[in-house]
């Protein structure tokens, strides 16, 4: 549902920026947090593999799940 002209004007007067800028900010924050989470998961899985507590297959499975999650999130947020 899109905003009417009156709603856009009210939003801009109250916040000082356009609704599209707000949307871009929130989407960017979500994607940055997702990328940080992916980096944390991959770093933790690698450390586990390097110390021998995680098998190579589990590391590969973790990598595949993280990449799939990131691709799905980017598909839904950027489309």
N, C-alpha and C. Protein backbone atom coordinates (compact mmCIF):
# COMPACT_ATOMS: atom_id res chain seq x y z
N UNK A 1 0.85 -1.17 0.00
CA UNK A 1 0.00 0.00 0.00
C UNK A 1 0.89 1.23 0.00
N UNK A 2 0.65 2.12 -0.91
CA UNK A 2 1.48 3.31 -1.00
C UNK A 2 0.84 4.46 -0.21
N UNK A 3 1.67 5.42 0.10
CA UNK A 3 1.21 6.56 0.89
C UNK A 3 0.59 7.60 -0.04
N UNK A 4 -0.37 8.31 0.49
CA UNK A 4 -0.98 9.41 -0.27
C UNK A 4 -0.04 10.62 -0.19
N UNK A 5 -0.32 11.62 -1.02
CA UNK A 5 0.51 12.83 -1.01
C UNK A 5 0.46 13.54 0.34
N UNK A 6 -0.71 13.54 0.98
CA UNK A 6 -0.84 14.17 2.29
C UNK A 6 0.00 13.43 3.34
N UNK A 7 0.02 12.10 3.27
CA UNK A 7 0.81 11.31 4.21
C UNK A 7 2.30 11.53 4.00
N UNK A 8 2.71 11.61 2.74
CA UNK A 8 4.13 11.85 2.44
C UNK A 8 4.55 13.22 2.96
N UNK A 9 3.71 14.22 2.73
CA UNK A 9 4.02 15.57 3.20
C UNK A 9 4.09 15.61 4.73
N UNK A 10 3.16 14.93 5.40
CA UNK A 10 3.17 14.90 6.86
C UNK A 10 4.41 14.18 7.38
N UNK A 11 4.80 13.10 6.72
CA UNK A 11 6.00 12.36 7.13
C UNK A 11 7.24 13.23 6.97
N UNK A 12 7.34 13.91 5.84
CA UNK A 12 8.51 14.76 5.60
C UNK A 12 8.56 15.93 6.57
N UNK A 13 7.42 16.51 6.89
CA UNK A 13 7.40 17.63 7.85
C UNK A 13 7.78 17.17 9.26
N UNK A 14 7.35 15.99 9.64
CA UNK A 14 7.61 15.51 10.99
C UNK A 14 9.04 14.98 11.15
N UNK A 15 9.55 14.31 10.12
CA UNK A 15 10.86 13.67 10.28
C UNK A 15 12.02 14.45 9.67
N UNK A 16 11.75 15.21 8.64
CA UNK A 16 12.80 15.96 7.98
C UNK A 16 13.44 15.24 6.81
N UNK A 17 12.96 14.04 6.48
CA UNK A 17 13.47 13.32 5.32
C UNK A 17 12.34 12.53 4.69
N UNK A 18 12.58 12.05 3.46
CA UNK A 18 11.54 11.36 2.70
C UNK A 18 11.33 9.93 3.21
N UNK A 19 10.14 9.39 3.02
CA UNK A 19 9.89 8.00 3.44
C UNK A 19 10.81 7.00 2.74
N UNK A 20 11.18 7.27 1.49
CA UNK A 20 12.07 6.37 0.77
C UNK A 20 13.43 6.29 1.45
N UNK A 21 13.91 7.41 1.97
CA UNK A 21 15.19 7.41 2.69
C UNK A 21 15.10 6.57 3.96
N UNK A 22 13.98 6.63 4.63
CA UNK A 22 13.77 5.83 5.83
C UNK A 22 13.77 4.34 5.49
N UNK A 23 13.11 4.00 4.41
CA UNK A 23 13.07 2.61 3.97
C UNK A 23 14.47 2.11 3.63
N UNK A 24 15.24 2.93 2.94
CA UNK A 24 16.60 2.56 2.58
C UNK A 24 17.46 2.36 3.83
N UNK A 25 17.28 3.22 4.81
CA UNK A 25 18.03 3.10 6.06
C UNK A 25 17.73 1.78 6.75
N UNK A 26 16.46 1.43 6.91
CA UNK A 26 16.10 0.21 7.62
C UNK A 26 16.53 -1.03 6.86
N UNK A 27 16.38 -1.02 5.53
CA UNK A 27 16.84 -2.17 4.75
C UNK A 27 18.35 -2.34 4.84
N UNK A 28 19.06 -1.23 4.82
CA UNK A 28 20.52 -1.29 4.95
C UNK A 28 20.92 -1.84 6.30
N UNK A 29 20.26 -1.41 7.36
CA UNK A 29 20.57 -1.92 8.70
C UNK A 29 20.31 -3.42 8.80
N UNK A 30 19.22 -3.87 8.24
CA UNK A 30 18.90 -5.31 8.27
C UNK A 30 19.97 -6.10 7.53
N UNK A 31 20.37 -5.63 6.35
CA UNK A 31 21.37 -6.35 5.58
C UNK A 31 22.75 -6.32 6.23
N UNK A 32 23.11 -5.20 6.84
CA UNK A 32 24.39 -5.13 7.55
C UNK A 32 24.40 -6.09 8.74
N UNK A 33 23.32 -6.12 9.49
CA UNK A 33 23.24 -7.06 10.62
C UNK A 33 23.28 -8.50 10.14
N UNK A 34 22.63 -8.80 9.02
CA UNK A 34 22.67 -10.15 8.47
C UNK A 34 24.07 -10.52 8.02
N UNK A 35 24.77 -9.59 7.40
CA UNK A 35 26.15 -9.87 6.98
C UNK A 35 27.07 -10.07 8.18
N UNK A 36 26.88 -9.28 9.22
CA UNK A 36 27.68 -9.48 10.45
C UNK A 36 27.39 -10.82 11.09
N UNK A 37 26.12 -11.22 11.09
CA UNK A 37 25.75 -12.52 11.64
C UNK A 37 26.38 -13.64 10.83
N UNK A 38 26.36 -13.51 9.50
CA UNK A 38 26.97 -14.53 8.64
C UNK A 38 28.48 -14.62 8.89
N UNK A 39 29.12 -13.48 9.04
CA UNK A 39 30.56 -13.49 9.32
C UNK A 39 30.84 -14.16 10.66
N UNK A 40 30.01 -13.89 11.66
CA UNK A 40 30.19 -14.50 12.98
C UNK A 40 30.01 -16.01 12.90
N UNK A 41 28.97 -16.46 12.18
CA UNK A 41 28.72 -17.91 12.05
C UNK A 41 29.89 -18.58 11.34
N UNK A 42 30.35 -17.97 10.26
CA UNK A 42 31.45 -18.57 9.50
C UNK A 42 32.75 -18.58 10.32
N UNK A 43 33.02 -17.52 11.06
CA UNK A 43 34.22 -17.46 11.87
C UNK A 43 34.17 -18.51 12.99
N UNK A 44 33.01 -18.66 13.61
CA UNK A 44 32.85 -19.65 14.67
C UNK A 44 32.98 -21.07 14.11
N UNK A 45 32.38 -21.32 12.95
CA UNK A 45 32.49 -22.64 12.33
C UNK A 45 33.94 -22.93 11.93
N UNK A 46 34.62 -21.95 11.40
CA UNK A 46 36.03 -22.15 11.03
C UNK A 46 36.89 -22.44 12.26
N UNK A 47 36.67 -21.68 13.32
CA UNK A 47 37.45 -21.93 14.55
C UNK A 47 37.19 -23.34 15.08
N UNK A 48 35.94 -23.78 14.99
CA UNK A 48 35.62 -25.14 15.42
C UNK A 48 36.29 -26.18 14.54
N UNK A 49 36.33 -25.92 13.24
CA UNK A 49 36.99 -26.85 12.32
C UNK A 49 38.50 -26.86 12.55
N UNK A 50 39.07 -25.68 12.78
CA UNK A 50 40.52 -25.58 12.98
C UNK A 50 40.96 -26.29 14.26
N UNK A 51 40.13 -26.28 15.28
CA UNK A 51 40.49 -26.96 16.54
C UNK A 51 40.10 -28.43 16.52
N UNK A 52 39.37 -28.86 15.51
CA UNK A 52 39.01 -30.27 15.39
C UNK A 52 37.70 -30.65 16.02
N UNK A 53 36.96 -29.71 16.55
CA UNK A 53 35.68 -30.05 17.18
C UNK A 53 34.52 -30.04 16.19
N UNK A 54 34.74 -29.56 14.96
CA UNK A 54 33.71 -29.55 13.91
C UNK A 54 34.30 -30.25 12.70
N UNK A 55 33.54 -31.21 12.15
CA UNK A 55 34.00 -31.90 10.95
C UNK A 55 33.89 -30.99 9.73
N UNK A 56 34.64 -31.34 8.68
CA UNK A 56 34.64 -30.54 7.46
C UNK A 56 33.26 -30.54 6.81
N UNK A 57 32.54 -31.64 6.87
CA UNK A 57 31.19 -31.71 6.31
C UNK A 57 30.23 -30.78 7.02
N UNK A 58 30.38 -30.68 8.34
CA UNK A 58 29.53 -29.75 9.09
C UNK A 58 29.88 -28.31 8.76
N UNK A 59 31.16 -28.05 8.53
CA UNK A 59 31.57 -26.70 8.11
C UNK A 59 30.96 -26.36 6.76
N UNK A 60 30.99 -27.29 5.83
CA UNK A 60 30.38 -27.07 4.51
C UNK A 60 28.87 -26.89 4.60
N UNK A 61 28.22 -27.69 5.45
CA UNK A 61 26.78 -27.54 5.63
C UNK A 61 26.42 -26.21 6.25
N UNK A 62 27.22 -25.78 7.21
CA UNK A 62 26.99 -24.48 7.83
C UNK A 62 27.17 -23.36 6.82
N UNK A 63 28.20 -23.48 5.99
CA UNK A 63 28.44 -22.48 4.95
C UNK A 63 27.26 -22.41 3.97
N UNK A 64 26.78 -23.57 3.55
CA UNK A 64 25.66 -23.61 2.61
C UNK A 64 24.40 -22.99 3.21
N UNK A 65 24.11 -23.30 4.46
CA UNK A 65 22.92 -22.74 5.11
C UNK A 65 23.02 -21.23 5.27
N UNK A 66 24.21 -20.74 5.64
CA UNK A 66 24.39 -19.30 5.81
C UNK A 66 24.23 -18.58 4.47
N UNK A 67 24.84 -19.12 3.43
CA UNK A 67 24.72 -18.50 2.11
C UNK A 67 23.28 -18.53 1.60
N UNK A 68 22.58 -19.64 1.81
CA UNK A 68 21.19 -19.73 1.39
C UNK A 68 20.32 -18.73 2.15
N UNK A 69 20.53 -18.62 3.44
CA UNK A 69 19.79 -17.66 4.25
C UNK A 69 20.04 -16.23 3.78
N UNK A 70 21.29 -15.92 3.51
CA UNK A 70 21.63 -14.58 3.04
C UNK A 70 21.02 -14.29 1.67
N UNK A 71 21.06 -15.26 0.77
CA UNK A 71 20.46 -15.06 -0.55
C UNK A 71 18.95 -14.85 -0.47
N UNK A 72 18.28 -15.64 0.35
CA UNK A 72 16.83 -15.49 0.49
C UNK A 72 16.49 -14.13 1.11
N UNK A 73 17.23 -13.74 2.14
CA UNK A 73 16.98 -12.43 2.76
C UNK A 73 17.21 -11.30 1.77
N UNK A 74 18.28 -11.37 1.00
CA UNK A 74 18.54 -10.32 0.02
C UNK A 74 17.49 -10.31 -1.08
N UNK A 75 17.02 -11.48 -1.48
CA UNK A 75 15.98 -11.54 -2.50
C UNK A 75 14.72 -10.82 -2.02
N UNK A 76 14.31 -11.10 -0.79
CA UNK A 76 13.08 -10.49 -0.29
C UNK A 76 13.23 -9.02 0.06
N UNK A 77 14.39 -8.60 0.52
CA UNK A 77 14.55 -7.21 0.91
C UNK A 77 14.89 -6.30 -0.27
N UNK A 78 15.58 -6.81 -1.26
CA UNK A 78 16.00 -5.97 -2.38
C UNK A 78 15.07 -6.02 -3.58
N UNK A 79 14.07 -6.90 -3.54
CA UNK A 79 13.14 -6.95 -4.69
C UNK A 79 11.93 -6.06 -4.48
